[in-house]
Amino acid sequence: MADLPNAVIKRLIAKHGDGMRVSGTAIDRAVAAAEDYVGRLAREAHASAVADKRKTIMDSDIDKAREKIG
């Protein structure tokens, strides 16, 4: 089961897709892709925080992770 709500992803796709309708399977794939991205982002941010000897992920860690993974 997905951690991100389908409704949120559907709303974002519709918003950025000029209001176009979205199929259920497309939403499922988008949810999986978003969760994959957030997972990679979290792992990179965690590594950045650990490298700086912190136990808290900061906004700078997220920024570095975004630069690294795109």
N, C-alpha and C. Protein backbone atom coordinates (compact mmCIF):
# COMPACT_ATOMS: atom_id res chain seq x y z
N MET A 1 0.84 -1.19 0.00
CA MET A 1 0.00 0.00 0.00
C MET A 1 0.88 1.25 0.00
N ALA A 2 0.44 2.23 -0.73
CA ALA A 2 1.20 3.47 -0.87
C ALA A 2 1.09 4.34 0.39
N ASP A 3 2.14 5.08 0.65
CA ASP A 3 2.14 6.01 1.78
C ASP A 3 1.54 7.36 1.40
N LEU A 4 1.72 7.75 0.14
CA LEU A 4 1.16 9.03 -0.32
C LEU A 4 -0.29 8.81 -0.78
N PRO A 5 -1.18 9.70 -0.39
CA PRO A 5 -2.58 9.56 -0.82
C PRO A 5 -2.74 9.79 -2.33
N ASN A 6 -3.48 8.92 -2.97
CA ASN A 6 -3.74 9.07 -4.41
C ASN A 6 -4.36 10.42 -4.73
N ALA A 7 -5.25 10.90 -3.87
CA ALA A 7 -5.95 12.16 -4.14
C ALA A 7 -4.97 13.33 -4.26
N VAL A 8 -3.94 13.33 -3.45
CA VAL A 8 -2.95 14.42 -3.49
C VAL A 8 -2.21 14.38 -4.82
N ILE A 9 -1.77 13.20 -5.22
CA ILE A 9 -1.03 13.06 -6.48
C ILE A 9 -1.94 13.40 -7.66
N LYS A 10 -3.17 12.93 -7.61
CA LYS A 10 -4.13 13.23 -8.68
C LYS A 10 -4.34 14.73 -8.81
N ARG A 11 -4.49 15.41 -7.69
CA ARG A 11 -4.69 16.86 -7.69
C ARG A 11 -3.47 17.58 -8.27
N LEU A 12 -2.28 17.13 -7.90
CA LEU A 12 -1.06 17.76 -8.42
C LEU A 12 -0.91 17.54 -9.92
N ILE A 13 -1.20 16.33 -10.37
CA ILE A 13 -1.10 16.06 -11.81
C ILE A 13 -2.12 16.90 -12.57
N ALA A 14 -3.34 16.95 -12.07
CA ALA A 14 -4.37 17.75 -12.74
C ALA A 14 -3.99 19.23 -12.75
N LYS A 15 -3.47 19.71 -11.64
CA LYS A 15 -3.08 21.12 -11.53
C LYS A 15 -1.98 21.47 -12.54
N HIS A 16 -0.98 20.61 -12.64
CA HIS A 16 0.15 20.90 -13.51
C HIS A 16 -0.05 20.34 -14.91
N GLY A 17 -1.13 19.61 -15.11
CA GLY A 17 -1.44 19.05 -16.42
C GLY A 17 -2.60 19.77 -17.08
N ASP A 18 -2.78 21.04 -16.72
CA ASP A 18 -3.81 21.89 -17.32
C ASP A 18 -5.22 21.33 -17.14
N GLY A 19 -5.47 20.71 -15.97
CA GLY A 19 -6.80 20.23 -15.64
C GLY A 19 -7.21 18.94 -16.32
N MET A 20 -6.30 18.30 -17.03
CA MET A 20 -6.61 17.07 -17.74
C MET A 20 -6.94 15.96 -16.74
N ARG A 21 -7.88 15.09 -17.12
CA ARG A 21 -8.22 13.95 -16.27
C ARG A 21 -7.06 12.96 -16.24
N VAL A 22 -7.02 12.15 -15.19
CA VAL A 22 -5.92 11.21 -15.00
C VAL A 22 -6.49 9.83 -14.72
N SER A 23 -6.00 8.82 -15.42
CA SER A 23 -6.50 7.46 -15.21
C SER A 23 -6.00 6.90 -13.88
N GLY A 24 -6.69 5.92 -13.38
CA GLY A 24 -6.31 5.29 -12.11
C GLY A 24 -4.93 4.66 -12.15
N THR A 25 -4.62 4.00 -13.27
CA THR A 25 -3.30 3.38 -13.37
C THR A 25 -2.19 4.42 -13.48
N ALA A 26 -2.49 5.55 -14.12
CA ALA A 26 -1.50 6.63 -14.19
C ALA A 26 -1.25 7.21 -12.81
N ILE A 27 -2.30 7.34 -12.01
CA ILE A 27 -2.14 7.83 -10.64
C ILE A 27 -1.28 6.86 -9.84
N ASP A 28 -1.55 5.56 -9.97
CA ASP A 28 -0.76 4.55 -9.26
C ASP A 28 0.72 4.66 -9.61
N ARG A 29 1.01 4.83 -10.90
CA ARG A 29 2.41 4.95 -11.33
C ARG A 29 3.04 6.24 -10.83
N ALA A 30 2.28 7.31 -10.83
CA ALA A 30 2.79 8.59 -10.35
C ALA A 30 3.07 8.53 -8.85
N VAL A 31 2.18 7.86 -8.11
CA VAL A 31 2.39 7.69 -6.66
C VAL A 31 3.67 6.90 -6.42
N ALA A 32 3.86 5.81 -7.16
CA ALA A 32 5.07 5.00 -7.00
C ALA A 32 6.32 5.82 -7.33
N ALA A 33 6.25 6.61 -8.40
CA ALA A 33 7.40 7.44 -8.78
C ALA A 33 7.69 8.50 -7.73
N ALA A 34 6.64 9.13 -7.21
CA ALA A 34 6.82 10.16 -6.18
C ALA A 34 7.42 9.56 -4.91
N GLU A 35 6.93 8.39 -4.52
CA GLU A 35 7.47 7.74 -3.32
C GLU A 35 8.92 7.33 -3.52
N ASP A 36 9.25 6.88 -4.72
CA ASP A 36 10.63 6.53 -5.03
C ASP A 36 11.53 7.76 -4.93
N TYR A 37 11.07 8.88 -5.49
CA TYR A 37 11.85 10.12 -5.44
C TYR A 37 12.04 10.58 -3.99
N VAL A 38 10.98 10.58 -3.22
CA VAL A 38 11.08 11.04 -1.83
C VAL A 38 11.98 10.11 -1.03
N GLY A 39 11.93 8.82 -1.32
CA GLY A 39 12.82 7.88 -0.65
C GLY A 39 14.28 8.17 -0.95
N ARG A 40 14.60 8.40 -2.24
CA ARG A 40 15.98 8.74 -2.62
C ARG A 40 16.39 10.06 -1.99
N LEU A 41 15.47 11.03 -1.99
CA LEU A 41 15.75 12.33 -1.38
C LEU A 41 16.06 12.17 0.11
N ALA A 42 15.28 11.36 0.79
CA ALA A 42 15.48 11.14 2.23
C ALA A 42 16.82 10.47 2.50
N ARG A 43 17.17 9.47 1.70
CA ARG A 43 18.45 8.78 1.91
C ARG A 43 19.63 9.72 1.69
N GLU A 44 19.56 10.53 0.65
CA GLU A 44 20.65 11.49 0.39
C GLU A 44 20.72 12.56 1.48
N ALA A 45 19.57 13.06 1.91
CA ALA A 45 19.54 14.07 2.98
C ALA A 45 20.08 13.48 4.28
N HIS A 46 19.72 12.24 4.55
CA HIS A 46 20.22 11.56 5.75
C HIS A 46 21.74 11.44 5.70
N ALA A 47 22.25 11.04 4.55
CA ALA A 47 23.70 10.92 4.40
C ALA A 47 24.40 12.25 4.61
N SER A 48 23.79 13.32 4.13
CA SER A 48 24.36 14.66 4.32
C SER A 48 24.39 15.03 5.80
N ALA A 49 23.31 14.75 6.50
CA ALA A 49 23.25 15.07 7.93
C ALA A 49 24.27 14.25 8.71
N VAL A 50 24.39 12.97 8.39
CA VAL A 50 25.37 12.11 9.07
C VAL A 50 26.78 12.59 8.79
N ALA A 51 27.05 12.99 7.55
CA ALA A 51 28.38 13.49 7.21
C ALA A 51 28.73 14.74 8.00
N ASP A 52 27.72 15.53 8.33
CA ASP A 52 27.94 16.74 9.13
C ASP A 52 27.78 16.47 10.63
N LYS A 53 27.70 15.18 10.99
CA LYS A 53 27.61 14.74 12.39
C LYS A 53 26.39 15.32 13.11
N ARG A 54 25.24 15.30 12.38
CA ARG A 54 23.98 15.76 12.98
C ARG A 54 22.98 14.62 12.98
N LYS A 55 22.03 14.71 13.90
CA LYS A 55 20.95 13.72 13.97
C LYS A 55 19.66 14.27 13.38
N THR A 56 19.71 15.49 12.88
CA THR A 56 18.54 16.15 12.33
C THR A 56 18.79 16.51 10.88
N ILE A 57 17.84 16.15 10.01
CA ILE A 57 17.92 16.55 8.61
C ILE A 57 17.45 18.00 8.52
N MET A 58 18.28 18.84 7.96
CA MET A 58 17.98 20.26 7.84
C MET A 58 17.61 20.59 6.39
N ASP A 59 17.10 21.80 6.19
CA ASP A 59 16.73 22.21 4.84
C ASP A 59 17.93 22.19 3.89
N SER A 60 19.10 22.49 4.41
CA SER A 60 20.30 22.45 3.57
C SER A 60 20.59 21.03 3.09
N ASP A 61 20.28 20.02 3.90
CA ASP A 61 20.46 18.63 3.50
C ASP A 61 19.51 18.28 2.35
N ILE A 62 18.28 18.76 2.44
CA ILE A 62 17.30 18.53 1.38
C ILE A 62 17.78 19.23 0.10
N ASP A 63 18.27 20.45 0.23
CA ASP A 63 18.78 21.19 -0.94
C ASP A 63 19.92 20.44 -1.61
N LYS A 64 20.87 19.94 -0.81
CA LYS A 64 22.00 19.20 -1.35
C LYS A 64 21.50 17.92 -2.04
N ALA A 65 20.56 17.24 -1.41
CA ALA A 65 20.02 16.01 -1.98
C ALA A 65 19.32 16.27 -3.29
N ARG A 66 18.56 17.35 -3.37
CA ARG A 66 17.88 17.70 -4.62
C ARG A 66 18.86 17.99 -5.74
N GLU A 67 19.95 18.68 -5.41
CA GLU A 67 20.98 18.95 -6.40
C GLU A 67 21.62 17.67 -6.90
N LYS A 68 21.81 16.74 -5.99
CA LYS A 68 22.50 15.50 -6.34
C LYS A 68 21.63 14.56 -7.18
N ILE A 69 20.35 14.42 -6.81
CA ILE A 69 19.51 13.45 -7.52
C ILE A 69 18.64 14.06 -8.59
N GLY A 70 18.55 15.37 -8.59
CA GLY A 70 17.78 16.05 -9.63
C GLY A 70 16.35 16.28 -9.34
